[in-house]
Amino acid sequence: MEVLNRMDKFSPDDITKEIGLLDIYKASRSKLPKNKINNFSTLAIFTMLIVYAFTSTETSISLLEKTRKWSELGFNFSAGILGFLIAGFTIFASVNDKSLFITMAKTKHEKSGLSYLKYNFFTLMYVFIVYLGFAILCLLIQLLGQTSGFISIIVELIAGKDNFLETKRFLAGISIIVVGTWFFYSLMLLQSFIFNVYHMVMTAIRWEIEKDNQE
């Protein structure tokens, strides 16, 4: 097992420093290591969707229809996965030995500068936040992005009748890029989530074995 370094100045207040999901998201993005496979594959999909959206001869109506279908599928998928993830996370957090969590809270993860407790839990929470954000995006598209819906009315008011079709085509391209890229990235995060859960379970088991050997 790797050598663990105790944090120089541990304060219990550090455990509850984050007061919202936005704080956890910011810390996750800035301090957790980036997954190259997830990032490069998502960038590839993003690039392909840009080429498709702005070189395709499809009309804005066709692109928007695809976006609505993708958002409907995305909402159902993300809502289902969120329920599964939250249930699994709750069970995992409640059945594990609290002494392991305390030790992790007092031990520094060198690469991120976080405690091992926050490093492990931030990786899990980051997945929740991405899926929640995607579910909200898909729901807003379903509520506001229908034909002659709120977004269409606002675009017509701002762009005017002369530029409405061009603006609508541009926004349709942007929407299919955003939804498609976010959907793919969410799927890629699942493989990271599965490994992180596996790693935390193995850590808990090893902790129990080593604790028994010391007694």
Foldseek 3Di string as FASTA:
>chain_A
DDDWAFDPDADPVVVVVDDDLVSLLVLCVPQADDDPVLVVVLVVLLVVLLCCLPVPPDFLVVLLVVLLVLLVVLLVVLVVVLVVLVVVVVVVVVPFDVVVLVVQQRTADPRRRHRNNSNLVSLSSNLNVLSVVSNVVSVCCVQAVDVVGPVLVVLCVVLPPVCSRVVSSVVSSVSSSVSRSSSSSSVVSVVVNVVSVVVVVVVRVVVVVVVVVVD
